[in-house]
C-alpha atoms as a PDB file:
ATOM      1  CA  MET A   1     126.684 104.844 106.165  1.00  0.00           C
ATOM      2  CA  LYS A   2     126.710 102.997 102.847  1.00  0.00           C
ATOM      3  CA  CYS A   3     124.311 103.108  99.927  1.00  0.00           C
ATOM      4  CA  PRO A   4     122.239  99.924 100.342  1.00  0.00           C
ATOM      5  CA  MET A   5     122.441  99.263  96.616  1.00  0.00           C
ATOM      6  CA  CYS A   6     126.052  99.810  95.567  1.00  0.00           C
ATOM      7  CA  GLY A   7     127.988 100.245  98.811  1.00  0.00           C
ATOM      8  CA  VAL A   8     129.215 103.806  98.140  1.00  0.00           C
ATOM      9  CA  GLU A   9     130.113 105.411 101.465  1.00  0.00           C
ATOM     10  CA  VAL A  10     128.079 108.506 102.435  1.00  0.00           C
ATOM     11  CA  GLU A  11     128.179 110.720 105.524  1.00  0.00           C
ATOM     12  CA  LYS A  12     124.448 110.644 106.311  1.00  0.00           C
ATOM     13  CA  LEU A  13     121.093 109.516 104.933  1.00  0.00           C
ATOM     14  CA  GLU A  14     120.462 112.841 103.155  1.00  0.00           C
ATOM     15  CA  ASP A  15     123.653 112.392 101.108  1.00  0.00           C
ATOM     16  CA  LEU A  16     121.983 109.479  99.327  1.00  0.00           C
ATOM     17  CA  ILE A  17     119.665 111.958  97.589  1.00  0.00           C
ATOM     18  CA  ASP A  18     122.545 113.035  95.342  1.00  0.00           C
ATOM     19  CA  HIS A  19     123.262 109.336  94.778  1.00  0.00           C
ATOM     20  CA  ALA A  20     119.695 108.777  93.558  1.00  0.00           C
ATOM     21  CA  VAL A  21     120.723 106.673  90.559  1.00  0.00           C
ATOM     22  CA  CYS A  22     120.612 103.556  92.739  1.00  0.00           C
ATOM     23  CA  PHE A  23     117.038 104.316  93.747  1.00  0.00           C
ATOM     24  CA  ASP A  24     115.840 104.681  90.131  1.00  0.00           C
ATOM     25  CA  LEU A  25     116.263 100.972  89.517  1.00  0.00           C
ATOM     26  CA  ASP A  26     113.210  98.778  88.917  1.00  0.00           C
ATOM     27  CA  GLU A  27     114.177  96.731  91.969  1.00  0.00           C
ATOM     28  CA  VAL A  28     115.822  97.978  95.173  1.00  0.00           C
ATOM     29  CA  ASN A  29     116.945  95.652  97.986  1.00  0.00           C
ATOM     30  CA  MET A  30     117.302  96.997 101.510  1.00  0.00           C
ATOM     31  CA  GLY A  31     117.902  94.459 104.271  1.00  0.00           C
ATOM     32  CA  HIS A  32     115.213  91.777 104.058  1.00  0.00           C
ATOM     33  CA  LEU A  33     112.976  93.968 101.882  1.00  0.00           C
ATOM     34  CA  THR A  34     112.743  94.230  98.110  1.00  0.00           C
ATOM     35  CA  PHE A  35     111.016  97.246  96.551  1.00  0.00           C
ATOM     36  CA  LYS A  36     109.817  96.592  92.978  1.00  0.00           C
ATOM     37  CA  THR A  37     108.522  99.361  90.725  1.00  0.00           C
ATOM     38  CA  GLU A  38     104.909  98.505  89.839  1.00  0.00           C
ATOM     39  CA  ARG A  39     103.718 101.287  87.619  1.00  0.00           C
ATOM     40  CA  PRO A  40     105.133 104.741  87.277  1.00  0.00           C
ATOM     41  CA  LYS A  41     102.450 107.383  87.266  1.00  0.00           C
ATOM     42  CA  PRO A  42     102.945 110.694  85.431  1.00  0.00           C
ATOM     43  CA  LYS A  43     104.383 112.399  88.519  1.00  0.00           C
ATOM     44  CA  THR A  44     104.965 109.656  91.114  1.00  0.00           C
ATOM     45  CA  LYS A  45     105.847 105.972  91.405  1.00  0.00           C
ATOM     46  CA  VAL A  46     104.335 102.895  93.075  1.00  0.00           C
ATOM     47  CA  TRP A  47     106.432 100.070  94.533  1.00  0.00           C
ATOM     48  CA  SER A  48     105.372  96.656  95.751  1.00  0.00           C
ATOM     49  CA  VAL A  49     107.256  95.640  98.898  1.00  0.00           C
ATOM     50  CA  TRP A  50     108.374  92.028  99.244  1.00  0.00           C
ATOM     51  CA  ASN A  51     110.062  90.025 101.967  1.00  0.00           C
ATOM     52  CA  PHE A  52     113.383  89.122 100.356  1.00  0.00           C
ATOM     53  CA  THR A  53     113.677  85.787 102.199  1.00  0.00           C
ATOM     54  CA  THR A  54     110.116  84.414 101.992  1.00  0.00           C
ATOM     55  CA  ARG A  55     109.217  86.232  98.730  1.00  0.00           C
ATOM     56  CA  GLU A  56     105.944  87.261 100.380  1.00  0.00           C
ATOM     57  CA  LEU A  57     104.212  90.460  99.246  1.00  0.00           C
ATOM     58  CA  ILE A  58     103.901  92.612 102.368  1.00  0.00           C
ATOM     59  CA  GLY A  59     102.559  95.917 101.062  1.00  0.00           C
ATOM     60  CA  ARG A  60     103.127  98.832  98.734  1.00  0.00           C
ATOM     61  CA  VAL A  61     104.636 102.295  98.781  1.00  0.00           C
ATOM     62  CA  SER A  62     102.866 105.057  96.883  1.00  0.00           C
ATOM     63  CA  TRP A  63     102.319 108.791  97.005  1.00  0.00           C
ATOM     64  CA  GLY A  64     100.027 109.904  99.814  1.00  0.00           C
ATOM     65  CA  GLY A  65      98.505 113.099  98.449  1.00  0.00           C
ATOM     66  CA  SER A  66      97.207 114.436 101.741  1.00  0.00           C
ATOM     67  CA  TRP A  67     100.548 113.632 103.397  1.00  0.00           C
ATOM     68  CA  ARG A  68     102.530 115.189 100.501  1.00  0.00           C
ATOM     69  CA  LYS A  69     105.025 112.304 100.684  1.00  0.00           C
ATOM     70  CA  TYR A  70     105.384 108.617  99.945  1.00  0.00           C
ATOM     71  CA  VAL A  71     103.675 106.322 102.450  1.00  0.00           C
ATOM     72  CA  PHE A  72     103.569 102.576 103.145  1.00  0.00           C
ATOM     73  CA  PHE A  73     100.349 100.554 102.898  1.00  0.00           C
ATOM     74  CA  PRO A  74     100.870  97.152 104.606  1.00  0.00           C
ATOM     75  CA  TYR A  75      98.892  94.099 103.515  1.00  0.00           C
ATOM     76  CA  ASN A  76      97.124  91.729 105.908  1.00  0.00           C
ATOM     77  CA  ASP A  77      98.278  91.510 109.522  1.00  0.00           C
ATOM     78  CA  MET A  78     101.973  91.963 108.880  1.00  0.00           C
ATOM     79  CA  MET A  79     104.515  92.274 111.699  1.00  0.00           C
ATOM     80  CA  PHE A  80     107.740  94.257 111.382  1.00  0.00           C
ATOM     81  CA  ASP A  81     110.753  94.529 113.638  1.00  0.00           C
ATOM     82  CA  GLU A  82     112.765  97.710 114.082  1.00  0.00           C
ATOM     83  CA  GLY A  83     115.145  96.776 111.250  1.00  0.00           C
ATOM     84  CA  CYS A  84     112.346  96.380 108.690  1.00  0.00           C
ATOM     85  CA  MET A  85     110.666  99.551 109.923  1.00  0.00           C
ATOM     86  CA  ARG A  86     113.961 101.415 109.590  1.00  0.00           C
ATOM     87  CA  HIS A  87     114.451 100.165 106.003  1.00  0.00           C
ATOM     88  CA  LEU A  88     110.867 101.100 105.125  1.00  0.00           C
ATOM     89  CA  ALA A  89     111.262 104.549 106.689  1.00  0.00           C
ATOM     90  CA  ASP A  90     114.619 105.131 104.967  1.00  0.00           C
ATOM     91  CA  PHE A  91     113.229 104.099 101.567  1.00  0.00           C
ATOM     92  CA  ILE A  92     110.130 106.273 101.942  1.00  0.00           C
ATOM     93  CA  GLU A  93     112.130 109.262 103.197  1.00  0.00           C
ATOM     94  CA  LEU A  94     114.675 109.001 100.382  1.00  0.00           C
ATOM     95  CA  GLN A  95     112.060 108.566  97.664  1.00  0.00           C
ATOM     96  CA  THR A  96     110.097 111.549  98.993  1.00  0.00           C
ATOM     97  CA  LYS A  97     113.217 113.729  99.065  1.00  0.00           C
ATOM     98  CA  ILE A  98     114.271 112.583  95.571  1.00  0.00           C
ATOM     99  CA  HIS A  99     110.780 113.339  94.253  1.00  0.00           C
ATOM    100  CA  LYS A 100     110.701 116.818  95.821  1.00  0.00           C
ATOM    101  CA  LYS A 101     114.246 117.635  94.679  1.00  0.00           C
ATOM    102  CA  ARG A 102     113.449 116.643  91.096  1.00  0.00           C
ATOM    103  CA  LYS A 103     110.251 118.661  91.216  1.00  0.00           C
ATOM    104  CA  ASP A 104     112.162 121.713  92.483  1.00  0.00           C
ATOM    105  CA  ASP A 105     114.932 121.189  89.901  1.00  0.00           C
ATOM    106  CA  GLY A 106     112.264 121.073  87.177  1.00  0.00           C
ATOM    107  CA  ARG A 107     110.824 124.371  88.372  1.00  0.00           C
ATOM    108  CA  ILE A 108     114.275 125.973  88.312  1.00  0.00           C
ATOM    109  CA  ARG A 109     114.892 124.712  84.747  1.00  0.00           C
ATOM    110  CA  ASP A 110     111.437 125.918  83.642  1.00  0.00           C
ATOM    111  CA  LYS A 111     112.089 129.400  85.080  1.00  0.00           C
ATOM    112  CA  ALA A 112     115.516 129.573  83.440  1.00  0.00           C
ATOM    113  CA  ALA A 113     114.088 128.502  80.074  1.00  0.00           C
ATOM    114  CA  SER A 114     111.328 131.086  80.258  1.00  0.00           C
ATOM    115  CA  GLY A 115     113.781 133.848  81.254  1.00  0.00           C
ATOM    116  CA  ARG A 116     112.209 134.581  84.634  1.00  0.00           C
END
């Protein structure tokens, strides 16, 4: 599998977490979808999701507090094939894992700094 942004070869989807630099960009293209950072919140991010070909806004990805992960909110009566659904799911899964890893890394640094 390749990183959808830069083409670096990885073994599996989870390996992209360590390659998170490509997913910190203001705009990420995956297949026919473009994810654009709308407004970073203090702890999470929000992305608008666009159809790359038609330039139509199809929804947004943001943190779903009760789900404890990023979720997709489609606009209107949108239809998606399995490829678009796969790209959406991959993006959401990666962003959730990146968020949780950074949160855990921050806790480890905070404990080390406090001497615990």
